[in-house]
PDB file of N, CA and C in Angstrom:
ATOM      1  N   MET A   1      79.022 273.188  55.313  1.00  0.00           N
ATOM      2  CA  MET A   1      79.069 271.970  56.070  1.00  0.00           C
ATOM      3  C   MET A   1      77.707 271.282  55.936  1.00  0.00           C
ATOM      4  N   SER A   2      77.721 270.074  55.560  1.00  0.00           N
ATOM      5  CA  SER A   2      76.472 269.357  55.328  1.00  0.00           C
ATOM      6  C   SER A   2      75.977 268.713  56.613  1.00  0.00           C
ATOM      7  N   SER A   3      74.776 268.289  56.577  1.00  0.00           N
ATOM      8  CA  SER A   3      74.168 267.660  57.739  1.00  0.00           C
ATOM      9  C   SER A   3      74.817 266.321  58.036  1.00  0.00           C
ATOM     10  N   ASP A   4      75.322 265.636  57.022  1.00  0.00           N
ATOM     11  CA  ASP A   4      76.027 264.362  57.238  1.00  0.00           C
ATOM     12  C   ASP A   4      77.309 264.572  58.034  1.00  0.00           C
ATOM     13  N   ASP A   5      78.029 265.670  57.732  1.00  0.00           N
ATOM     14  CA  ASP A   5      79.258 265.961  58.490  1.00  0.00           C
ATOM     15  C   ASP A   5      78.938 266.241  59.950  1.00  0.00           C
ATOM     16  N   GLY A   6      77.868 266.972  60.195  1.00  0.00           N
ATOM     17  CA  GLY A   6      77.452 267.271  61.573  1.00  0.00           C
ATOM     18  C   GLY A   6      77.029 266.013  62.312  1.00  0.00           C
ATOM     19  N   ASP A   7      76.301 265.135  61.609  1.00  0.00           N
ATOM     20  CA  ASP A   7      75.885 263.879  62.232  1.00  0.00           C
ATOM     21  C   ASP A   7      77.089 263.002  62.559  1.00  0.00           C
ATOM     22  N   MET A   8      78.075 262.995  61.693  1.00  0.00           N
ATOM     23  CA  MET A   8      79.279 262.179  61.922  1.00  0.00           C
ATOM     24  C   MET A   8      80.053 262.711  63.128  1.00  0.00           C
ATOM     25  N   GLU A   9      80.128 264.040  63.239  1.00  0.00           N
ATOM     26  CA  GLU A   9      80.813 264.644  64.383  1.00  0.00           C
ATOM     27  C   GLU A   9      80.074 264.315  65.668  1.00  0.00           C
ATOM     28  N   ASN A  10      78.756 264.457  65.649  1.00  0.00           N
ATOM     29  CA  ASN A  10      77.951 264.128  66.821  1.00  0.00           C
ATOM     30  C   ASN A  10      78.105 262.653  67.186  1.00  0.00           C
ATOM     31  N   GLN A  11      78.119 261.807  66.166  1.00  0.00           N
ATOM     32  CA  GLN A  11      78.286 260.372  66.401  1.00  0.00           C
ATOM     33  C   GLN A  11      79.661 260.094  67.017  1.00  0.00           C
ATOM     34  N   ALA A  12      80.695 260.744  66.518  1.00  0.00           N
ATOM     35  CA  ALA A  12      82.060 260.550  67.043  1.00  0.00           C
ATOM     36  C   ALA A  12      82.136 261.050  68.491  1.00  0.00           C
ATOM     37  N   GLU A  13      81.504 262.201  68.777  1.00  0.00           N
ATOM     38  CA  GLU A  13      81.485 262.726  70.143  1.00  0.00           C
ATOM     39  C   GLU A  13      80.729 261.782  71.079  1.00  0.00           C
ATOM     40  N   LEU A  14      79.617 261.262  70.598  1.00  0.00           N
ATOM     41  CA  LEU A  14      78.823 260.337  71.399  1.00  0.00           C
ATOM     42  C   LEU A  14      79.616 259.055  71.708  1.00  0.00           C
ATOM     43  N   GLU A  15      80.303 258.543  70.691  1.00  0.00           N
ATOM     44  CA  GLU A  15      81.134 257.347  70.903  1.00  0.00           C
ATOM     45  C   GLU A  15      82.256 257.629  71.898  1.00  0.00           C
ATOM     46  N   GLU A  16      82.869 258.791  71.788  1.00  0.00           N
ATOM     47  CA  GLU A  16      83.957 259.171  72.712  1.00  0.00           C
ATOM     48  C   GLU A  16      83.416 259.293  74.131  1.00  0.00           C
ATOM     49  N   LYS A  17      82.263 259.931  74.295  1.00  0.00           N
ATOM     50  CA  LYS A  17      81.645 260.059  75.615  1.00  0.00           C
ATOM     51  C   LYS A  17      81.314 258.687  76.190  1.00  0.00           C
ATOM     52  N   THR A  18      80.772 257.823  75.358  1.00  0.00           N
ATOM     53  CA  THR A  18      80.432 256.468  75.804  1.00  0.00           C
ATOM     54  C   THR A  18      81.689 255.721  76.238  1.00  0.00           C
ATOM     55  N   ARG A  19      82.739 255.837  75.453  1.00  0.00           N
ATOM     56  CA  ARG A  19      84.010 255.179  75.792  1.00  0.00           C
ATOM     57  C   ARG A  19      84.545 255.701  77.129  1.00  0.00           C
ATOM     58  N   LEU A  20      84.498 257.014  77.326  1.00  0.00           N
ATOM     59  CA  LEU A  20      84.996 257.608  78.570  1.00  0.00           C
ATOM     60  C   LEU A  20      84.142 257.193  79.767  1.00  0.00           C
ATOM     61  N   ILE A  21      82.832 257.147  79.588  1.00  0.00           N
ATOM     62  CA  ILE A  21      81.933 256.725  80.672  1.00  0.00           C
ATOM     63  C   ILE A  21      82.230 255.276  81.058  1.00  0.00           C
ATOM     64  N   ASN A  22      82.401 254.418  80.053  1.00  0.00           N
ATOM     65  CA  ASN A  22      82.727 253.012  80.334  1.00  0.00           C
ATOM     66  C   ASN A  22      84.066 252.888  81.056  1.00  0.00           C
ATOM     67  N   GLN A  23      85.031 253.704  80.655  1.00  0.00           N
ATOM     68  CA  GLN A  23      86.344 253.677  81.303  1.00  0.00           C
ATOM     69  C   GLN A  23      86.227 254.136  82.765  1.00  0.00           C
ATOM     70  N   VAL A  24      85.454 255.184  83.011  1.00  0.00           N
ATOM     71  CA  VAL A  24      85.248 255.676  84.377  1.00  0.00           C
ATOM     72  C   VAL A  24      84.566 254.607  85.230  1.00  0.00           C
ATOM     73  N   LEU A  25      83.550 253.956  84.669  1.00  0.00           N
ATOM     74  CA  LEU A  25      82.852 252.900  85.412  1.00  0.00           C
ATOM     75  C   LEU A  25      83.788 251.735  85.730  1.00  0.00           C
ATOM     76  N   GLU A  26      84.616 251.367  84.790  1.00  0.00           N
ATOM     77  CA  GLU A  26      85.584 250.288  85.013  1.00  0.00           C
ATOM     78  C   GLU A  26      86.570 250.675  86.122  1.00  0.00           C
ATOM     79  N   LEU A  27      87.039 251.901  86.100  1.00  0.00           N
ATOM     80  CA  LEU A  27      87.961 252.373  87.134  1.00  0.00           C
ATOM     81  C   LEU A  27      87.281 252.419  88.504  1.00  0.00           C
ATOM     82  N   GLN A  28      85.999 252.782  88.535  1.00  0.00           N
ATOM     83  CA  GLN A  28      85.255 252.786  89.802  1.00  0.00           C
ATOM     84  C   GLN A  28      85.150 251.378  90.368  1.00  0.00           C
ATOM     85  N   HIS A  29      84.874 250.405  89.502  1.00  0.00           N
ATOM     86  CA  HIS A  29      84.790 249.016  89.963  1.00  0.00           C
ATOM     87  C   HIS A  29      86.149 248.528  90.472  1.00  0.00           C
ATOM     88  N   THR A  30      87.197 248.908  89.767  1.00  0.00           N
ATOM     89  CA  THR A  30      88.549 248.530  90.202  1.00  0.00           C
ATOM     90  C   THR A  30      88.854 249.135  91.560  1.00  0.00           C
ATOM     91  N   LEU A  31      88.492 250.389  91.753  1.00  0.00           N
ATOM     92  CA  LEU A  31      88.710 251.057  93.034  1.00  0.00           C
ATOM     93  C   LEU A  31      87.918 250.378  94.156  1.00  0.00           C
ATOM     94  N   GLU A  32      86.683 250.009  93.875  1.00  0.00           N
ATOM     95  CA  GLU A  32      85.869 249.296  94.871  1.00  0.00           C
ATOM     96  C   GLU A  32      86.511 247.962  95.241  1.00  0.00           C
ATOM     97  N   ASP A  33      87.007 247.233  94.246  1.00  0.00           N
ATOM     98  CA  ASP A  33      87.660 245.948  94.497  1.00  0.00           C
ATOM     99  C   ASP A  33      88.925 246.130  95.339  1.00  0.00           C
ATOM    100  N   LEU A  34      89.714 247.141  94.999  1.00  0.00           N
ATOM    101  CA  LEU A  34      90.945 247.397  95.758  1.00  0.00           C
ATOM    102  C   LEU A  34      90.632 247.816  97.187  1.00  0.00           C
ATOM    103  N   SER A  35      89.602 248.621  97.352  1.00  0.00           N
ATOM    104  CA  SER A  35      89.209 249.059  98.689  1.00  0.00           C
ATOM    105  C   SER A  35      88.751 247.873  99.534  1.00  0.00           C
ATOM    106  N   ALA A  36      87.993 246.975  98.934  1.00  0.00           N
ATOM    107  CA  ALA A  36      87.544 245.776  99.652  1.00  0.00           C
ATOM    108  C   ALA A  36      88.744 244.909 100.028  1.00  0.00           C
ATOM    109  N   ARG A  37      89.708 244.807  99.136  1.00  0.00           N
ATOM    110  CA  ARG A  37      90.919 244.012  99.416  1.00  0.00           C
ATOM    111  C   ARG A  37      91.714 244.629 100.563  1.00  0.00           C
ATOM    112  N   VAL A  38      91.848 245.945 100.573  1.00  0.00           N
ATOM    113  CA  VAL A  38      92.560 246.624 101.658  1.00  0.00           C
ATOM    114  C   VAL A  38      91.861 246.365 102.989  1.00  0.00           C
ATOM    115  N   ASP A  39      90.546 246.440 103.001  1.00  0.00           N
ATOM    116  CA  ASP A  39      89.791 246.173 104.228  1.00  0.00           C
ATOM    117  C   ASP A  39      90.011 244.737 104.708  1.00  0.00           C
ATOM    118  N   ALA A  40      90.014 243.790 103.773  1.00  0.00           N
ATOM    119  CA  ALA A  40      90.232 242.384 104.136  1.00  0.00           C
ATOM    120  C   ALA A  40      91.632 242.177 104.700  1.00  0.00           C
ATOM    121  N   VAL A  41      92.620 242.826 104.102  1.00  0.00           N
ATOM    122  CA  VAL A  41      93.998 242.688 104.579  1.00  0.00           C
ATOM    123  C   VAL A  41      94.147 243.320 105.961  1.00  0.00           C
ATOM    124  N   LYS A  42      93.499 244.459 106.188  1.00  0.00           N
ATOM    125  CA  LYS A  42      93.538 245.086 107.510  1.00  0.00           C
ATOM    126  C   LYS A  42      92.936 244.169 108.565  1.00  0.00           C
ATOM    127  N   GLU A  43      91.812 243.562 108.222  1.00  0.00           N
ATOM    128  CA  GLU A  43      91.145 242.653 109.155  1.00  0.00           C
ATOM    129  C   GLU A  43      92.032 241.442 109.463  1.00  0.00           C
ATOM    130  N   GLU A  44      92.632 240.877 108.423  1.00  0.00           N
ATOM    131  CA  GLU A  44      93.540 239.734 108.616  1.00  0.00           C
ATOM    132  C   GLU A  44      94.748 240.137 109.457  1.00  0.00           C
ATOM    133  N   ASN A  45      95.266 241.325 109.230  1.00  0.00           N
ATOM    134  CA  ASN A  45      96.403 241.825 110.000  1.00  0.00           C
ATOM    135  C   ASN A  45      96.052 241.924 111.486  1.00  0.00           C
ATOM    136  N   LEU A  46      94.880 242.468 111.801  1.00  0.00           N
ATOM    137  CA  LEU A  46      94.454 242.567 113.197  1.00  0.00           C
ATOM    138  C   LEU A  46      94.311 241.183 113.825  1.00  0.00           C
ATOM    139  N   LYS A  47      93.750 240.253 113.060  1.00  0.00           N
ATOM    140  CA  LYS A  47      93.581 238.886 113.557  1.00  0.00           C
ATOM    141  C   LYS A  47      94.938 238.256 113.854  1.00  0.00           C
ATOM    142  N   LEU A  48      95.887 238.412 112.938  1.00  0.00           N
ATOM    143  CA  LEU A  48      97.221 237.829 113.132  1.00  0.00           C
ATOM    144  C   LEU A  48      97.960 238.487 114.296  1.00  0.00           C
ATOM    145  N   LYS A  49      97.794 239.800 114.460  1.00  0.00           N
ATOM    146  CA  LYS A  49      98.413 240.478 115.604  1.00  0.00           C
ATOM    147  C   LYS A  49      97.875 239.916 116.909  1.00  0.00           C
ATOM    148  N   SER A  50      96.575 239.711 116.959  1.00  0.00           N
ATOM    149  CA  SER A  50      95.949 239.168 118.155  1.00  0.00           C
ATOM    150  C   SER A  50      96.464 237.757 118.441  1.00  0.00           C
ATOM    151  N   GLU A  51      96.513 236.918 117.410  1.00  0.00           N
ATOM    152  CA  GLU A  51      97.034 235.565 117.582  1.00  0.00           C
ATOM    153  C   GLU A  51      98.492 235.593 118.028  1.00  0.00           C
ATOM    154  N   ASN A  52      99.251 236.506 117.472  1.00  0.00           N
ATOM    155  CA  ASN A  52     100.664 236.636 117.833  1.00  0.00           C
ATOM    156  C   ASN A  52     100.811 237.007 119.308  1.00  0.00           C
ATOM    157  N   GLN A  53      99.961 237.901 119.794  1.00  0.00           N
ATOM    158  CA  GLN A  53     100.006 238.275 121.209  1.00  0.00           C
ATOM    159  C   GLN A  53      99.674 237.088 122.097  1.00  0.00           C
ATOM    160  N   VAL A  54      98.675 236.307 121.700  1.00  0.00           N
ATOM    161  CA  VAL A  54      98.290 235.129 122.478  1.00  0.00           C
ATOM    162  C   VAL A  54      99.449 234.128 122.519  1.00  0.00           C
ATOM    163  N   LEU A  55     100.062 233.883 121.364  1.00  0.00           N
ATOM    164  CA  LEU A  55     101.191 232.953 121.326  1.00  0.00           C
ATOM    165  C   LEU A  55     102.367 233.475 122.136  1.00  0.00           C
ATOM    166  N   GLY A  56     102.634 234.763 122.050  1.00  0.00           N
ATOM    167  CA  GLY A  56     103.720 235.358 122.838  1.00  0.00           C
ATOM    168  C   GLY A  56     103.479 235.199 124.323  1.00  0.00           C
ATOM    169  N   GLN A  57     102.250 235.441 124.760  1.00  0.00           N
ATOM    170  CA  GLN A  57     101.906 235.272 126.176  1.00  0.00           C
ATOM    171  C   GLN A  57     102.035 233.808 126.582  1.00  0.00           C
ATOM    172  N   TYR A  58     101.605 232.900 125.713  1.00  0.00           N
ATOM    173  CA  TYR A  58     101.697 231.466 125.988  1.00  0.00           C
ATOM    174  C   TYR A  58     103.166 231.057 126.168  1.00  0.00           C
ATOM    175  N   ILE A  59     104.025 231.537 125.281  1.00  0.00           N
ATOM    176  CA  ILE A  59     105.454 231.213 125.375  1.00  0.00           C
ATOM    177  C   ILE A  59     106.042 231.803 126.651  1.00  0.00           C
ATOM    178  N   GLU A  60     105.680 233.035 126.976  1.00  0.00           N
ATOM    179  CA  GLU A  60     106.164 233.642 128.221  1.00  0.00           C
ATOM    180  C   GLU A  60     105.727 232.818 129.425  1.00  0.00           C
ATOM    181  N   ASN A  61     104.484 232.365 129.420  1.00  0.00           N
ATOM    182  CA  ASN A  61     103.990 231.541 130.520  1.00  0.00           C
ATOM    183  C   ASN A  61     104.749 230.226 130.611  1.00  0.00           C
ATOM    184  N   LEU A  62     105.003 229.604 129.460  1.00  0.00           N
ATOM    185  CA  LEU A  62     105.780 228.360 129.464  1.00  0.00           C
ATOM    186  C   LEU A  62     107.190 228.598 129.999  1.00  0.00           C
ATOM    187  N   MET A  63     107.796 229.689 129.561  1.00  0.00           N
ATOM    188  CA  MET A  63     109.162 229.984 129.992  1.00  0.00           C
ATOM    189  C   MET A  63     109.203 230.290 131.486  1.00  0.00           C
ATOM    190  N   SER A  64     108.226 231.014 131.987  1.00  0.00           N
ATOM    191  CA  SER A  64     108.240 231.346 133.414  1.00  0.00           C
ATOM    192  C   SER A  64     107.927 230.117 134.265  1.00  0.00           C
ATOM    193  N   ALA A  65     107.169 229.170 133.721  1.00  0.00           N
ATOM    194  CA  ALA A  65     106.835 227.954 134.463  1.00  0.00           C
ATOM    195  C   ALA A  65     107.955 226.926 134.408  1.00  0.00           C
ATOM    196  N   SER A  66     108.863 227.060 133.464  1.00  0.00           N
ATOM    197  CA  SER A  66     109.927 226.075 133.295  1.00  0.00           C
ATOM    198  C   SER A  66     111.132 226.440 134.147  1.00  0.00           C
ATOM    199  N   SER A  67     111.713 225.432 134.801  1.00  0.00           N
ATOM    200  CA  SER A  67     112.905 225.682 135.620  1.00  0.00           C
ATOM    201  C   SER A  67     114.119 225.995 134.749  1.00  0.00           C
ATOM    202  N   VAL A  68     114.076 225.652 133.480  1.00  0.00           N
ATOM    203  CA  VAL A  68     115.195 225.931 132.577  1.00  0.00           C
ATOM    204  C   VAL A  68     115.461 227.429 132.499  1.00  0.00           C
ATOM    205  N   PHE A  69     114.400 228.213 132.536  1.00  0.00           N
ATOM    206  CA  PHE A  69     114.544 229.654 132.378  1.00  0.00           C
ATOM    207  C   PHE A  69     114.607 230.391 133.714  1.00  0.00           C
ATOM    208  N   GLN A  70     114.602 229.670 134.804  1.00  0.00           N
ATOM    209  CA  GLN A  70     114.700 230.285 136.128  1.00  0.00           C
ATOM    210  C   GLN A  70     116.153 230.249 136.584  1.00  0.00           C
ATOM    211  N   THR A  71     116.682 231.393 137.012  1.00  0.00           N
ATOM    212  CA  THR A  71     118.045 231.423 137.535  1.00  0.00           C
ATOM    213  C   THR A  71     118.000 231.106 139.024  1.00  0.00           C
ATOM    214  N   THR A  72     119.011 230.347 139.486  1.00  0.00           N
ATOM    215  CA  THR A  72     118.992 229.917 140.879  1.00  0.00           C
ATOM    216  C   THR A  72     120.052 230.586 141.726  1.00  0.00           C
ATOM    217  N   ASP A  73     121.180 230.951 141.129  1.00  0.00           N
ATOM    218  CA  ASP A  73     122.208 231.594 141.948  1.00  0.00           C
ATOM    219  C   ASP A  73     122.376 233.059 141.576  1.00  0.00           C
ATOM    220  N   THR A  74     123.000 233.801 142.450  1.00  0.00           N
ATOM    221  CA  THR A  74     123.140 235.243 142.263  1.00  0.00           C
ATOM    222  C   THR A  74     124.037 235.568 141.079  1.00  0.00           C
ATOM    223  N   LYS A  75     125.081 234.777 140.859  1.00  0.00           N
ATOM    224  CA  LYS A  75     126.004 235.050 139.765  1.00  0.00           C
ATOM    225  C   LYS A  75     125.292 234.966 138.411  1.00  0.00           C
ATOM    226  N   SER A  76     124.510 233.928 138.217  1.00  0.00           N
ATOM    227  CA  SER A  76     123.824 233.816 136.929  1.00  0.00           C
ATOM    228  C   SER A  76     122.756 234.895 136.780  1.00  0.00           C
ATOM    229  N   LYS A  77     122.154 235.329 137.895  1.00  0.00           N
ATOM    230  CA  LYS A  77     121.183 236.424 137.828  1.00  0.00           C
ATOM    231  C   LYS A  77     121.870 237.701 137.377  1.00  0.00           C
ATOM    232  N   ARG A  78     123.088 237.940 137.914  1.00  0.00           N
ATOM    233  CA  ARG A  78     123.813 239.146 137.498  1.00  0.00           C
ATOM    234  C   ARG A  78     124.197 239.056 136.035  1.00  0.00           C
ATOM    235  N   ASN A  79     124.603 237.883 135.567  1.00  0.00           N
ATOM    236  CA  ASN A  79     124.954 237.720 134.157  1.00  0.00           C
ATOM    237  C   ASN A  79     123.736 237.947 133.259  1.00  0.00           C
ATOM    238  N   MET A  80     122.584 237.470 133.694  1.00  0.00           N
ATOM    239  CA  MET A  80     121.365 237.672 132.917  1.00  0.00           C
ATOM    240  C   MET A  80     121.032 239.162 132.827  1.00  0.00           C
ATOM    241  N   GLU A  81     121.261 239.911 133.911  1.00  0.00           N
ATOM    242  CA  GLU A  81     120.942 241.336 133.909  1.00  0.00           C
ATOM    243  C   GLU A  81     121.870 242.105 132.991  1.00  0.00           C
ATOM    244  N   ARG A  82     123.116 241.639 132.834  1.00  0.00           N
ATOM    245  CA  ARG A  82     124.080 242.337 131.988  1.00  0.00           C
ATOM    246  C   ARG A  82     123.869 242.078 130.506  1.00  0.00           C
ATOM    247  N   ARG A  83     123.212 240.988 130.176  1.00  0.00           N
ATOM    248  CA  ARG A  83     123.006 240.671 128.766  1.00  0.00           C
ATOM    249  C   ARG A  83     122.118 241.722 128.119  1.00  0.00           C
ATOM    250  N   PRO A  84     122.476 242.130 126.902  1.00  0.00           N
ATOM    251  CA  PRO A  84     121.607 243.107 126.222  1.00  0.00           C
ATOM    252  C   PRO A  84     120.284 242.448 125.854  1.00  0.00           C
ATOM    253  N   GLN A  85     119.232 243.157 126.131  1.00  0.00           N
ATOM    254  CA  GLN A  85     117.911 242.658 125.802  1.00  0.00           C
ATOM    255  C   GLN A  85     117.596 243.027 124.354  1.00  0.00           C
ATOM    256  N   HIS A  86     116.957 242.131 123.652  1.00  0.00           N
ATOM    257  CA  HIS A  86     116.548 242.423 122.285  1.00  0.00           C
ATOM    258  C   HIS A  86     115.151 241.888 122.057  1.00  0.00           C
ATOM    259  N   ARG A  87     114.486 242.500 121.112  1.00  0.00           N
ATOM    260  CA  ARG A  87     113.168 242.005 120.731  1.00  0.00           C
ATOM    261  C   ARG A  87     113.379 240.836 119.798  1.00  0.00           C
ATOM    262  N   CYS A  88     112.492 239.883 119.884  1.00  0.00           N
ATOM    263  CA  CYS A  88     112.590 238.731 119.001  1.00  0.00           C
ATOM    264  C   CYS A  88     112.367 239.173 117.559  1.00  0.00           C
ATOM    265  N   SER A  89     113.124 238.563 116.709  1.00  0.00           N
ATOM    266  CA  SER A  89     113.027 238.868 115.300  1.00  0.00           C
ATOM    267  C   SER A  89     112.942 237.551 114.542  1.00  0.00           C
ATOM    268  N   PRO A  90     112.202 237.508 113.430  1.00  0.00           N
ATOM    269  CA  PRO A  90     112.142 236.277 112.652  1.00  0.00           C
ATOM    270  C   PRO A  90     113.517 235.834 112.167  1.00  0.00           C
ATOM    271  N   ARG A  91     114.469 236.772 112.097  1.00  0.00           N
ATOM    272  CA  ARG A  91     115.800 236.419 111.632  1.00  0.00           C
ATOM    273  C   ARG A  91     116.620 235.748 112.723  1.00  0.00           C
ATOM    274  N   LEU A  92     116.182 235.840 113.970  1.00  0.00           N
ATOM    275  CA  LEU A  92     116.912 235.224 115.068  1.00  0.00           C
ATOM    276  C   LEU A  92     116.259 233.894 115.410  1.00  0.00           C
ATOM    277  N   PRO A  93     116.907 232.789 115.079  1.00  0.00           N
ATOM    278  CA  PRO A  93     116.260 231.500 115.315  1.00  0.00           C
ATOM    279  C   PRO A  93     115.999 231.237 116.786  1.00  0.00           C
ATOM    280  N   GLU A  94     116.800 231.835 117.692  1.00  0.00           N
ATOM    281  CA  GLU A  94     116.602 231.581 119.112  1.00  0.00           C
ATOM    282  C   GLU A  94     115.313 232.206 119.641  1.00  0.00           C
ATOM    283  N   CYS A  95     114.651 233.020 118.841  1.00  0.00           N
ATOM    284  CA  CYS A  95     113.409 233.656 119.266  1.00  0.00           C
ATOM    285  C   CYS A  95     112.174 232.920 118.764  1.00  0.00           C
ATOM    286  N   SER A  96     112.362 231.933 117.930  1.00  0.00           N
ATOM    287  CA  SER A  96     111.192 231.264 117.363  1.00  0.00           C
ATOM    288  C   SER A  96     110.541 230.361 118.395  1.00  0.00           C
ATOM    289  N   PRO A  97     109.221 230.186 118.299  1.00  0.00           N
ATOM    290  CA  PRO A  97     108.529 229.291 119.231  1.00  0.00           C
ATOM    291  C   PRO A  97     109.068 227.858 119.160  1.00  0.00           C
ATOM    292  N   LEU A  98     109.422 227.397 117.944  1.00  0.00           N
ATOM    293  CA  LEU A  98     109.949 226.040 117.810  1.00  0.00           C
ATOM    294  C   LEU A  98     111.269 225.919 118.561  1.00  0.00           C
ATOM    295  N   TYR A  99     112.144 226.919 118.401  1.00  0.00           N
ATOM    296  CA  TYR A  99     113.414 226.894 119.121  1.00  0.00           C
ATOM    297  C   TYR A  99     113.169 226.861 120.621  1.00  0.00           C
ATOM    298  N   THR A 100     112.275 227.706 121.108  1.00  0.00           N
ATOM    299  CA  THR A 100     111.980 227.761 122.539  1.00  0.00           C
ATOM    300  C   THR A 100     111.457 226.413 123.017  1.00  0.00           C
ATOM    301  N   PHE A 101     110.556 225.804 122.246  1.00  0.00           N
ATOM    302  CA  PHE A 101     110.005 224.516 122.624  1.00  0.00           C
ATOM    303  C   PHE A 101     111.107 223.453 122.669  1.00  0.00           C
ATOM    304  N   GLN A 102     111.958 223.427 121.637  1.00  0.00           N
ATOM    305  CA  GLN A 102     113.035 222.437 121.606  1.00  0.00           C
ATOM    306  C   GLN A 102     114.030 222.696 122.732  1.00  0.00           C
ATOM    307  N   TYR A 103     114.291 223.949 123.026  1.00  0.00           N
ATOM    308  CA  TYR A 103     115.208 224.278 124.109  1.00  0.00           C
ATOM    309  C   TYR A 103     114.649 223.773 125.435  1.00  0.00           C
ATOM    310  N   ILE A 104     113.371 223.969 125.659  1.00  0.00           N
ATOM    311  CA  ILE A 104     112.743 223.501 126.888  1.00  0.00           C
ATOM    312  C   ILE A 104     112.829 221.973 126.970  1.00  0.00           C
ATOM    313  N   GLN A 105     112.604 221.298 125.855  1.00  0.00           N
ATOM    314  CA  GLN A 105     112.622 219.836 125.849  1.00  0.00           C
ATOM    315  C   GLN A 105     114.026 219.279 126.078  1.00  0.00           C
ATOM    316  N   THR A 106     115.036 219.884 125.445  1.00  0.00           N
ATOM    317  CA  THR A 106     116.388 219.334 125.533  1.00  0.00           C
ATOM    318  C   THR A 106     117.234 220.016 126.599  1.00  0.00           C
ATOM    319  N   LYS A 107     116.809 221.188 127.035  1.00  0.00           N
ATOM    320  CA  LYS A 107     117.523 221.992 128.027  1.00  0.00           C
ATOM    321  C   LYS A 107     118.933 222.378 127.572  1.00  0.00           C
ATOM    322  N   THR A 108     119.129 222.432 126.267  1.00  0.00           N
ATOM    323  CA  THR A 108     120.388 222.896 125.718  1.00  0.00           C
ATOM    324  C   THR A 108     120.100 223.780 124.515  1.00  0.00           C
ATOM    325  N   PRO A 109     120.905 224.819 124.320  1.00  0.00           N
ATOM    326  CA  PRO A 109     120.680 225.659 123.134  1.00  0.00           C
ATOM    327  C   PRO A 109     120.909 224.866 121.854  1.00  0.00           C
ATOM    328  N   LEU A 110     120.116 225.120 120.847  1.00  0.00           N
ATOM    329  CA  LEU A 110     120.244 224.422 119.594  1.00  0.00           C
ATOM    330  C   LEU A 110     121.049 225.211 118.561  1.00  0.00           C
ATOM    331  N   VAL A 111     121.453 226.417 118.919  1.00  0.00           N
ATOM    332  CA  VAL A 111     122.217 227.265 118.015  1.00  0.00           C
ATOM    333  C   VAL A 111     123.524 227.609 118.707  1.00  0.00           C
ATOM    334  N   SER A 112     124.635 227.450 117.985  1.00  0.00           N
ATOM    335  CA  SER A 112     125.917 227.817 118.596  1.00  0.00           C
ATOM    336  C   SER A 112     126.170 229.295 118.367  1.00  0.00           C
ATOM    337  N   TYR A 113     126.777 229.939 119.335  1.00  0.00           N
ATOM    338  CA  TYR A 113     127.028 231.388 119.228  1.00  0.00           C
ATOM    339  C   TYR A 113     128.474 231.672 118.980  1.00  0.00           C
TER     340      TYR A 113
END
């Protein structure tokens, strides 16, 4: 085996090591970027949850202050108690803030059941 063959092998090993080191560094940068993105999304999620709670409380306050949502006779109170309670869902238009606002303004449901 000549010295040129040994040098070529060493050169090939060095190039392979360099390529692998560069690949590892690139993956580390990608991981750092993804981690920063996850942190940003978590922060935004907390902010939106907080805003959602504030809006929910605001809507509850509006509904409790409005006579539209206050029952006056015993029969309607009993009917309200019998209705199944559900959590608001984006798929239910009657739970949206816009629907609630329009309902308060017009005092009539905007969705037929």
